[in-house]
Amino acid sequence: MRDTDLLQLALGLVPPWMVKAANFDAEARRLDIEIDFTKGGRFPCPHCAKTDCPVHDTAMQTWRHLDFFQHQAFLHARTPRITCPDCGVKQIAVPWARPGSGFTLLFEALAMTLMTAMPVAAAARLMGEHDTRMWRVLHHWVEQARERADYSEVRRVAIDETAAKRGHDYMSLFVDIDKRSVLFATEGRGAETIAKFADDLEAHNGHVSNIKQVCIDMSAAFIKGVTDNLPEAEITFDKFHAVKLVNDAVDKVRRAESKDRPELKRTRYLWLRNEPSLSARGRRQLAALTTLHLKTARAYQIRLAFQEIYQQPTRGWGALFLDRWYAWAIRSRLEPIKHAARSIKRHRDGILAWFDSPIANGLIEGINSLVQAAKAKARGYRSTRTLKAITYLIAGKDVHIIPTLNSGPPPPNYTQRLTWFRARRPSPA
């Protein structure tokens, strides 16, 4: 078997494409493969698919391919422009690479797989390429996947913000609760982010009237955005954020009281964790503190009672329990607790909606943790655009991002390749 025949078979080339020559340089750790097309070869028009179009002219191009063992491999080919009687002179696409790329599709598929599991810079070092080129590959395929995404079946959405950079830069995430996949990511955390999501939803075969349930925190901006842009959606306030509101009030009471009661210093998590999650020592310390008639202890009991609202069997029982809890909290003479209780009262319907649709933002919080972990591994990202691309890559599970062979003749299957090889196998002497 000739080397060129083996390489042609391995690359999956079909006529008129063929391997013309190969040069292996062990010292340079490099394999160069020259690809050409047969003399007089004709190609289909990339626009109208008219067959047997003659070649107008050619231009040399080079693509980085998968490594040949530990050696870098490059493909070199004359890429033709054809003359179509209907469309004129058109550039054809080669079957092993996408237009405009300096890499083969298989190389980009490997790069995308690596970048899913590690920082882009680390993947670039592993593949012996500059990270800027890897970012171009990532952005291209993520954008391609986003263009193909179909949101016609989206009905339930969770919305939350995550920190994009240190300081006050935020990115809002929109997650399909049923598919557990990121639908949309955008800068900011105001009502305008909901409007952007609505536009993106419509652009991907979805419709705002299809969204029946939305889970958000008690942000006034998010509430306004959902009300204005998702008219059919029932708002469910995230259980985690509602409980956090009361927890924060308990901690404010503790901090104020600790100025006069030093035994409360460094006891924050005793009051914010549920008792089963405390160590044996923590439970003993908490039991001792609750006997001291502290304001913090009263706030703690109110916190525990609020959590029991979500344990009620029906919405009716939940409403009754919530109203009784509010009456207790508002008479507690603890200003942070009273402030939290008023906020809970204003958002009563959205909190009770949890009983009709027990959805929560735990899913999106998990995605947030994945995004932040990826950001930490990469030691931050230069722009929100790169962070969004990484978010779609690691959490956009409803879209296929790994590159596949482009349009044009499909690669031959095993039988086709074997038939092709046997036809070109030299006869025995």
Protein backbone atom coordinates (compact mmCIF):
# COMPACT_ATOMS: atom_id res chain seq x y z
CA MET A 1 0.00 0.00 0.00
CA ARG A 2 1.35 3.40 -0.94
CA ASP A 3 1.56 6.06 1.72
CA THR A 4 -0.68 8.37 -0.29
CA ASP A 5 -3.34 5.64 -0.60
CA LEU A 6 -3.28 5.07 3.15
CA LEU A 7 -3.55 8.77 3.89
CA GLN A 8 -6.35 9.20 1.36
CA LEU A 9 -8.26 6.37 2.98
CA ALA A 10 -7.63 7.77 6.47
CA LEU A 11 -8.76 11.27 5.46
CA GLY A 12 -11.93 9.92 3.83
CA LEU A 13 -11.30 11.70 0.52
CA VAL A 14 -13.49 10.84 -2.47
CA PRO A 15 -12.95 11.81 -6.12
CA PRO A 16 -12.11 14.25 -7.45
CA TRP A 17 -10.05 14.82 -4.29
CA MET A 18 -6.90 12.78 -3.76
CA VAL A 19 -3.66 12.81 -1.78
CA LYS A 20 -0.93 13.90 -4.13
CA ALA A 21 2.10 13.72 -1.85
CA ALA A 22 3.19 13.53 1.78
CA ASN A 23 6.33 14.80 3.44
CA PHE A 24 7.32 13.63 6.90
CA ASP A 25 10.00 15.64 8.74
CA ALA A 26 10.98 13.82 11.93
CA GLU A 27 13.36 16.56 13.02
CA ALA A 28 10.73 19.26 12.70
CA ARG A 29 8.11 16.85 14.11
CA ARG A 30 5.81 17.66 11.23
CA LEU A 31 3.76 15.87 8.59
CA ASP A 32 2.67 17.80 5.49
CA ILE A 33 0.00 16.26 3.27
CA GLU A 34 -0.62 17.71 -0.18
CA ILE A 35 -4.16 17.29 -1.47
CA ASP A 36 -5.19 17.93 -5.07
CA PHE A 37 -8.07 17.16 -7.41
CA THR A 38 -7.90 15.17 -10.59
CA LYS A 39 -7.14 16.99 -13.82
CA GLY A 40 -10.35 18.17 -15.38
CA GLY A 41 -12.21 17.67 -12.09
CA ARG A 42 -15.61 19.26 -11.82
CA PHE A 43 -17.54 20.38 -8.75
CA PRO A 44 -21.14 21.20 -7.83
CA CYS A 45 -22.13 24.83 -7.45
CA PRO A 46 -22.34 25.71 -3.72
CA HIS A 47 -25.36 27.95 -4.39
CA CYS A 48 -27.64 26.15 -6.83
CA ALA A 49 -26.09 22.64 -6.54
CA LYS A 50 -25.72 22.42 -10.29
CA THR A 51 -23.28 19.59 -11.02
CA ASP A 52 -20.26 19.36 -13.30
CA CYS A 53 -19.14 22.97 -13.02
CA PRO A 54 -15.62 23.54 -14.43
CA VAL A 55 -12.80 25.05 -12.37
CA HIS A 56 -12.24 28.77 -12.91
CA ASP A 57 -9.03 29.18 -10.86
CA THR A 58 -7.42 27.93 -7.65
CA ALA A 59 -5.64 29.26 -4.56
CA MET A 60 -3.36 27.41 -2.15
CA GLN A 61 -4.58 26.97 1.42
CA THR A 62 -3.23 25.25 4.52
CA TRP A 63 -5.10 23.71 7.46
CA ARG A 64 -3.87 22.31 10.77
CA HIS A 65 -5.05 18.73 11.18
CA LEU A 66 -5.06 16.27 14.08
CA ASP A 67 -1.58 15.34 15.20
CA PHE A 68 0.07 12.34 13.59
CA PHE A 69 1.07 10.60 16.79
CA GLN A 70 3.28 13.26 18.48
CA HIS A 71 3.87 15.17 15.21
CA GLN A 72 1.86 18.13 13.95
CA ALA A 73 -0.01 17.47 10.71
CA PHE A 74 -0.98 19.99 8.03
CA LEU A 75 -3.11 19.68 4.92
CA HIS A 76 -2.27 21.72 1.82
CA ALA A 77 -4.60 21.99 -1.14
CA ARG A 78 -5.51 24.05 -4.18
CA THR A 79 -9.04 25.23 -3.43
CA PRO A 80 -10.93 25.95 -6.62
CA ARG A 81 -13.44 28.52 -7.70
CA ILE A 82 -15.92 27.14 -10.19
CA THR A 83 -17.81 28.72 -13.07
CA CYS A 84 -21.54 28.09 -12.79
CA PRO A 85 -23.63 28.95 -15.90
CA ASP A 86 -26.36 30.30 -13.60
CA CYS A 87 -24.49 31.76 -10.60
CA GLY A 88 -21.17 32.82 -12.11
CA VAL A 89 -17.80 32.32 -10.38
CA LYS A 90 -18.21 30.83 -6.90
CA GLN A 91 -15.83 29.54 -4.23
CA ILE A 92 -16.42 25.91 -3.26
CA ALA A 93 -16.10 24.54 0.26
CA VAL A 94 -13.67 21.72 0.88
CA PRO A 95 -15.17 18.70 2.70
CA TRP A 96 -12.56 18.63 5.47
CA ALA A 97 -12.78 22.24 6.77
CA ARG A 98 -15.24 25.08 7.14
CA PRO A 99 -14.80 28.22 5.02
CA GLY A 100 -12.36 30.74 6.46
CA SER A 101 -10.84 28.40 9.04
CA GLY A 102 -7.19 27.44 9.31
CA PHE A 103 -8.12 24.14 10.99
CA THR A 104 -9.78 20.97 9.79
CA LEU A 105 -13.19 20.04 11.17
CA LEU A 106 -11.73 17.12 13.10
CA PHE A 107 -9.16 19.40 14.72
CA GLU A 108 -11.90 21.85 15.72
CA ALA A 109 -14.05 19.01 17.08
CA LEU A 110 -11.20 17.92 19.33
CA ALA A 111 -10.57 21.54 20.38
CA MET A 112 -14.24 22.03 21.32
CA THR A 113 -14.25 18.79 23.31
CA LEU A 114 -11.18 19.90 25.25
CA MET A 115 -12.52 23.41 25.85
CA THR A 116 -15.68 21.92 27.33
CA ALA A 117 -13.59 20.27 30.05
CA MET A 118 -10.78 22.77 30.66
CA PRO A 119 -9.91 26.46 30.28
CA VAL A 120 -9.38 27.63 26.72
CA ALA A 121 -5.78 28.63 27.46
CA ALA A 122 -5.02 25.14 28.79
CA ALA A 123 -6.60 23.51 25.72
CA ALA A 124 -4.59 25.80 23.47
CA ARG A 125 -1.33 24.85 25.19
CA LEU A 126 -2.19 21.16 24.90
CA MET A 127 -2.85 21.50 21.17
CA GLY A 128 0.12 23.76 20.49
CA GLU A 129 -1.95 26.74 19.34
CA HIS A 130 -2.45 30.33 20.46
CA ASP A 131 -5.50 30.77 22.68
CA THR A 132 -6.79 33.61 20.45
CA ARG A 133 -7.28 31.12 17.60
CA MET A 134 -9.02 28.72 19.96
CA TRP A 135 -11.39 31.44 21.11
CA ARG A 136 -12.28 32.14 17.46
CA VAL A 137 -13.14 28.47 17.00
CA LEU A 138 -15.23 28.41 20.18
CA HIS A 139 -17.17 31.57 19.30
CA HIS A 140 -17.90 30.30 15.80
CA TRP A 141 -19.39 26.98 16.86
CA VAL A 142 -21.29 28.42 19.81
CA GLU A 143 -22.85 31.03 17.51
CA GLN A 144 -23.67 28.33 14.96
CA ALA A 145 -25.35 26.25 17.67
CA ARG A 146 -27.28 29.26 18.92
CA GLU A 147 -28.57 29.97 15.41
CA ARG A 148 -29.91 26.41 15.12
CA ALA A 149 -31.53 26.34 18.57
CA ASP A 150 -35.29 25.74 18.63
CA TYR A 151 -37.24 27.16 21.61
CA SER A 152 -40.72 26.27 20.37
CA GLU A 153 -41.24 23.81 23.27
CA VAL A 154 -40.07 26.11 26.08
CA ARG A 155 -42.78 26.56 28.71
CA ARG A 156 -41.06 27.08 32.08
CA VAL A 157 -38.11 29.40 32.65
CA ALA A 158 -35.89 30.19 35.63
CA ILE A 159 -34.11 33.55 35.73
CA ASP A 160 -31.22 34.65 37.92
CA GLU A 161 -28.14 36.85 37.75
CA THR A 162 -24.50 35.92 38.21
CA ALA A 163 -21.39 38.01 38.67
CA ALA A 164 -19.58 38.53 35.37
CA LYS A 165 -16.62 40.37 36.87
CA ARG A 166 -15.52 41.68 40.22
CA GLY A 167 -17.51 44.69 41.27
CA HIS A 168 -20.93 45.38 39.89
CA ASP A 169 -20.88 43.69 36.48
CA TYR A 170 -23.62 41.10 36.18
CA MET A 171 -24.94 38.64 33.63
CA SER A 172 -28.52 37.33 33.66
CA LEU A 173 -29.14 33.67 32.86
CA PHE A 174 -32.37 32.21 31.45
CA VAL A 175 -32.74 28.45 31.90
CA ASP A 176 -35.25 25.99 30.48
CA ILE A 177 -36.43 24.24 33.64
CA ASP A 178 -37.65 21.13 31.83
CA LYS A 179 -34.53 20.57 29.70
CA ARG A 180 -32.17 21.90 32.39
CA SER A 181 -30.35 23.95 29.77
CA VAL A 182 -29.28 27.58 29.38
CA LEU A 183 -31.45 29.33 26.82
CA PHE A 184 -30.04 32.84 26.92
CA ALA A 185 -27.36 34.88 28.66
CA THR A 186 -27.03 38.66 28.55
CA GLU A 187 -25.33 41.53 30.32
CA GLY A 188 -27.14 43.28 33.16
CA ARG A 189 -29.83 42.29 35.63
CA GLY A 190 -32.63 44.79 34.99
CA ALA A 191 -36.03 44.65 33.35
CA GLU A 192 -34.39 45.16 29.97
CA THR A 193 -32.81 41.70 30.20
CA ILE A 194 -36.30 40.14 30.11
CA ALA A 195 -37.08 42.14 26.98
CA LYS A 196 -33.88 40.87 25.36
CA PHE A 197 -34.83 37.30 26.26
CA ALA A 198 -38.29 37.75 24.75
CA ASP A 199 -36.73 38.95 21.49
CA ASP A 200 -34.27 36.03 21.48
CA LEU A 201 -37.08 33.59 22.20
CA GLU A 202 -39.06 34.84 19.20
CA ALA A 203 -35.95 34.65 17.02
CA HIS A 204 -35.58 30.94 17.84
CA ASN A 205 -39.07 29.74 16.94
CA GLY A 206 -40.49 30.37 20.41
CA HIS A 207 -43.26 32.71 21.49
CA VAL A 208 -43.72 34.78 24.64
CA SER A 209 -47.27 33.48 25.03
CA ASN A 210 -45.89 29.94 25.38
CA ILE A 211 -44.11 30.82 28.64
CA LYS A 212 -46.53 29.82 31.39
CA GLN A 213 -44.30 29.79 34.47
CA VAL A 214 -41.30 31.87 35.47
CA CYS A 215 -39.18 31.43 38.60
CA ILE A 216 -37.35 34.56 39.78
CA ASP A 217 -36.13 36.21 42.93
CA MET A 218 -38.08 39.12 44.40
CA SER A 219 -36.24 41.72 42.33
CA ALA A 220 -38.56 44.56 41.33
CA ALA A 221 -36.73 44.81 37.99
CA PHE A 222 -37.31 41.13 37.17
CA ILE A 223 -40.97 41.37 38.23
CA LYS A 224 -41.53 44.35 35.93
CA GLY A 225 -39.66 42.68 33.09
CA VAL A 226 -41.72 39.49 33.30
CA THR A 227 -45.01 41.41 33.63
CA ASP A 228 -44.24 43.57 30.58
CA ASN A 229 -42.73 40.96 28.29
CA LEU A 230 -44.12 37.53 29.28
CA PRO A 231 -47.86 38.25 29.66
CA GLU A 232 -49.01 34.63 30.10
CA ALA A 233 -46.41 33.70 32.70
CA GLU A 234 -47.27 33.07 36.34
CA ILE A 235 -44.49 34.26 38.63
CA THR A 236 -43.16 31.90 41.26
CA PHE A 237 -40.70 33.47 43.65
CA ASP A 238 -37.72 31.29 44.26
CA LYS A 239 -37.89 29.46 47.58
CA PHE A 240 -34.15 29.89 48.13
CA HIS A 241 -34.33 33.69 47.84
CA ALA A 242 -37.40 33.95 50.07
CA VAL A 243 -35.69 31.93 52.80
CA LYS A 244 -32.50 33.95 52.31
CA LEU A 245 -34.44 37.17 52.89
CA VAL A 246 -35.49 35.94 56.34
CA ASN A 247 -32.01 34.53 57.05
CA ASP A 248 -30.44 37.91 56.31
CA ALA A 249 -32.87 39.53 58.75
CA VAL A 250 -31.84 37.06 61.47
CA ASP A 251 -28.18 37.89 60.90
CA LYS A 252 -28.90 41.63 61.13
CA VAL A 253 -30.54 41.05 64.52
CA ARG A 254 -27.52 39.01 65.64
CA ARG A 255 -24.99 41.64 64.53
CA ALA A 256 -26.86 44.42 66.33
CA GLU A 257 -27.27 42.39 69.52
CA SER A 258 -23.67 41.15 69.55
CA LYS A 259 -22.50 44.67 70.40
CA ASP A 260 -23.86 44.11 73.91
CA ARG A 261 -23.72 40.31 74.01
CA PRO A 262 -20.19 39.12 73.18
CA GLU A 263 -21.26 35.47 73.32
CA LEU A 264 -22.98 36.06 69.95
CA LYS A 265 -19.75 36.88 68.14
CA ARG A 266 -18.66 34.32 65.55
CA THR A 267 -21.96 32.44 65.85
CA ARG A 268 -23.47 33.47 62.52
CA TYR A 269 -23.79 30.01 61.00
CA LEU A 270 -25.29 28.54 64.17
CA TRP A 271 -28.41 30.63 63.49
CA LEU A 272 -28.47 30.28 59.68
CA ARG A 273 -27.99 26.53 59.34
CA ASN A 274 -30.66 24.00 60.10
CA GLU A 275 -29.92 22.00 63.23
CA PRO A 276 -29.34 18.62 61.48
CA SER A 277 -26.49 20.16 59.46
CA LEU A 278 -24.66 21.36 62.59
CA SER A 279 -21.93 19.40 64.28
CA ALA A 280 -22.54 17.92 67.73
CA ARG A 281 -20.56 20.78 69.25
CA GLY A 282 -22.59 23.31 67.26
CA ARG A 283 -25.87 21.83 68.43
CA ARG A 284 -24.73 22.03 72.07
CA GLN A 285 -23.66 25.66 71.62
CA LEU A 286 -26.96 26.56 69.93
CA ALA A 287 -28.99 24.89 72.70
CA ALA A 288 -27.08 26.86 75.33
CA LEU A 289 -27.61 30.19 73.50
CA THR A 290 -31.36 29.65 73.04
CA THR A 291 -31.81 29.56 76.84
CA LEU A 292 -30.48 33.10 77.27
CA HIS A 293 -33.64 34.92 76.11
CA LEU A 294 -31.79 36.60 73.25
CA LYS A 295 -33.42 38.65 70.50
CA THR A 296 -31.44 36.54 68.08
CA ALA A 297 -33.02 33.40 69.49
CA ARG A 298 -36.50 34.84 68.84
CA ALA A 299 -35.50 35.76 65.31
CA TYR A 300 -34.16 32.24 64.87
CA GLN A 301 -37.51 30.69 65.86
CA ILE A 302 -39.27 32.96 63.36
CA ARG A 303 -36.85 31.77 60.68
CA LEU A 304 -37.60 28.12 61.42
CA ALA A 305 -41.32 28.82 61.29
CA PHE A 306 -40.99 30.45 57.86
CA GLN A 307 -39.33 27.33 56.46
CA GLU A 308 -42.30 25.26 57.64
CA ILE A 309 -44.56 27.17 55.23
CA TYR A 310 -43.09 25.15 52.35
CA GLN A 311 -43.83 21.90 54.19
CA GLN A 312 -47.60 22.42 54.17
CA PRO A 313 -49.65 19.95 52.10
CA THR A 314 -51.69 22.43 50.02
CA ARG A 315 -51.69 26.06 48.93
CA GLY A 316 -54.59 26.75 51.27
CA TRP A 317 -52.69 25.44 54.27
CA GLY A 318 -49.60 27.31 53.08
CA ALA A 319 -51.58 30.57 52.87
CA LEU A 320 -52.99 30.08 56.37
CA PHE A 321 -49.55 29.30 57.79
CA LEU A 322 -47.99 32.28 55.96
CA ASP A 323 -50.61 34.72 57.30
CA ARG A 324 -50.09 33.48 60.87
CA TRP A 325 -46.33 33.70 60.41
CA TYR A 326 -46.66 37.28 59.18
CA ALA A 327 -48.75 38.27 62.20
CA TRP A 328 -46.08 36.82 64.50
CA ALA A 329 -43.17 38.41 62.61
CA ILE A 330 -44.74 41.87 62.36
CA ARG A 331 -45.31 41.92 66.16
CA SER A 332 -41.81 40.67 66.97
CA ARG A 333 -40.42 44.16 67.74
CA LEU A 334 -37.36 43.16 65.71
CA GLU A 335 -37.01 45.71 62.94
CA PRO A 336 -35.04 43.56 60.46
CA ILE A 337 -37.62 40.76 60.88
CA LYS A 338 -40.50 43.22 60.45
CA HIS A 339 -38.89 44.61 57.29
CA ALA A 340 -38.50 41.11 55.83
CA ALA A 341 -42.08 40.25 56.79
CA ARG A 342 -43.42 43.30 54.90
CA SER A 343 -41.46 42.23 51.81
CA ILE A 344 -42.83 38.69 52.11
CA LYS A 345 -46.35 40.12 52.42
CA ARG A 346 -45.94 42.18 49.22
CA HIS A 347 -44.86 39.06 47.32
CA ARG A 348 -47.41 36.73 48.93
CA ASP A 349 -49.02 35.46 45.71
CA GLY A 350 -45.69 34.61 44.08
CA ILE A 351 -44.51 32.77 47.18
CA LEU A 352 -47.74 30.75 47.39
CA ALA A 353 -47.51 29.98 43.64
CA TRP A 354 -44.81 27.51 44.64
CA PHE A 355 -47.56 25.13 45.83
CA ASP A 356 -49.11 25.06 42.34
CA SER A 357 -45.77 24.74 40.63
CA PRO A 358 -42.96 23.72 43.00
CA ILE A 359 -40.19 25.10 40.82
CA ALA A 360 -37.12 26.72 42.23
CA ASN A 361 -33.88 28.24 41.07
CA GLY A 362 -31.78 25.43 42.52
CA LEU A 363 -31.07 24.33 38.95
CA ILE A 364 -29.88 27.76 37.89
CA GLU A 365 -27.85 28.12 41.08
CA GLY A 366 -26.09 24.88 40.11
CA ILE A 367 -25.40 26.29 36.64
CA ASN A 368 -24.10 29.47 38.27
CA SER A 369 -21.67 27.39 40.26
CA LEU A 370 -20.44 25.68 37.06
CA VAL A 371 -19.95 29.07 35.41
CA GLN A 372 -18.11 30.50 38.39
CA ALA A 373 -15.94 27.38 38.64
CA ALA A 374 -15.02 27.70 34.95
CA LYS A 375 -14.27 31.38 35.49
CA ALA A 376 -12.07 30.58 38.49
CA LYS A 377 -10.14 27.92 36.56
CA ALA A 378 -9.49 30.42 33.79
CA ARG A 379 -8.68 33.16 36.34
CA GLY A 380 -11.43 35.33 34.92
CA TYR A 381 -12.45 36.37 31.43
CA ARG A 382 -11.65 39.55 29.60
CA SER A 383 -15.18 40.25 28.45
CA THR A 384 -18.75 39.22 29.10
CA ARG A 385 -18.88 37.88 25.52
CA THR A 386 -16.32 35.20 26.38
CA LEU A 387 -18.14 34.33 29.60
CA LYS A 388 -21.41 33.95 27.69
CA ALA A 389 -19.74 31.67 25.16
CA ILE A 390 -18.36 29.46 27.95
CA THR A 391 -21.80 29.41 29.61
CA TYR A 392 -23.46 28.17 26.42
CA LEU A 393 -20.68 25.62 25.95
CA ILE A 394 -20.90 24.03 29.40
CA ALA A 395 -24.61 24.49 30.14
CA GLY A 396 -26.38 24.79 26.77
CA LYS A 397 -27.31 21.12 26.74
CA ASP A 398 -30.12 21.45 24.22
CA VAL A 399 -27.79 22.42 21.37
CA HIS A 400 -25.11 20.35 19.69
CA ILE A 401 -21.97 22.46 19.70
CA ILE A 402 -19.29 19.95 18.62
CA PRO A 403 -18.50 20.50 14.91
CA THR A 404 -19.58 18.01 12.28
CA LEU A 405 -18.66 17.67 8.63
CA ASN A 406 -20.00 20.52 6.56
CA SER A 407 -22.28 20.41 3.58
CA GLY A 408 -21.16 18.71 0.45
CA PRO A 409 -20.38 15.09 -0.26
CA PRO A 410 -20.57 13.04 2.94
CA PRO A 411 -17.54 11.02 3.95
CA PRO A 412 -17.71 7.49 2.59
CA ASN A 413 -18.62 4.68 4.89
CA TYR A 414 -16.37 1.70 5.43
CA THR A 415 -17.74 -0.25 2.47
CA GLN A 416 -17.30 2.70 0.11
CA ARG A 417 -13.75 3.25 1.31
CA LEU A 418 -12.87 -0.42 0.92
CA THR A 419 -14.30 -0.51 -2.62
CA TRP A 420 -12.35 2.61 -3.51
CA PHE A 421 -9.11 1.19 -2.12
CA ARG A 422 -9.46 -2.19 -3.84
CA ALA A 423 -10.02 -0.47 -7.18
CA ARG A 424 -6.70 1.33 -6.81
CA ARG A 425 -4.69 -1.50 -5.26
CA PRO A 426 -1.80 -2.42 -7.53
CA SER A 427 -2.01 -5.89 -9.07
CA PRO A 428 0.55 -8.43 -7.82
CA ALA A 429 3.68 -8.75 -9.89
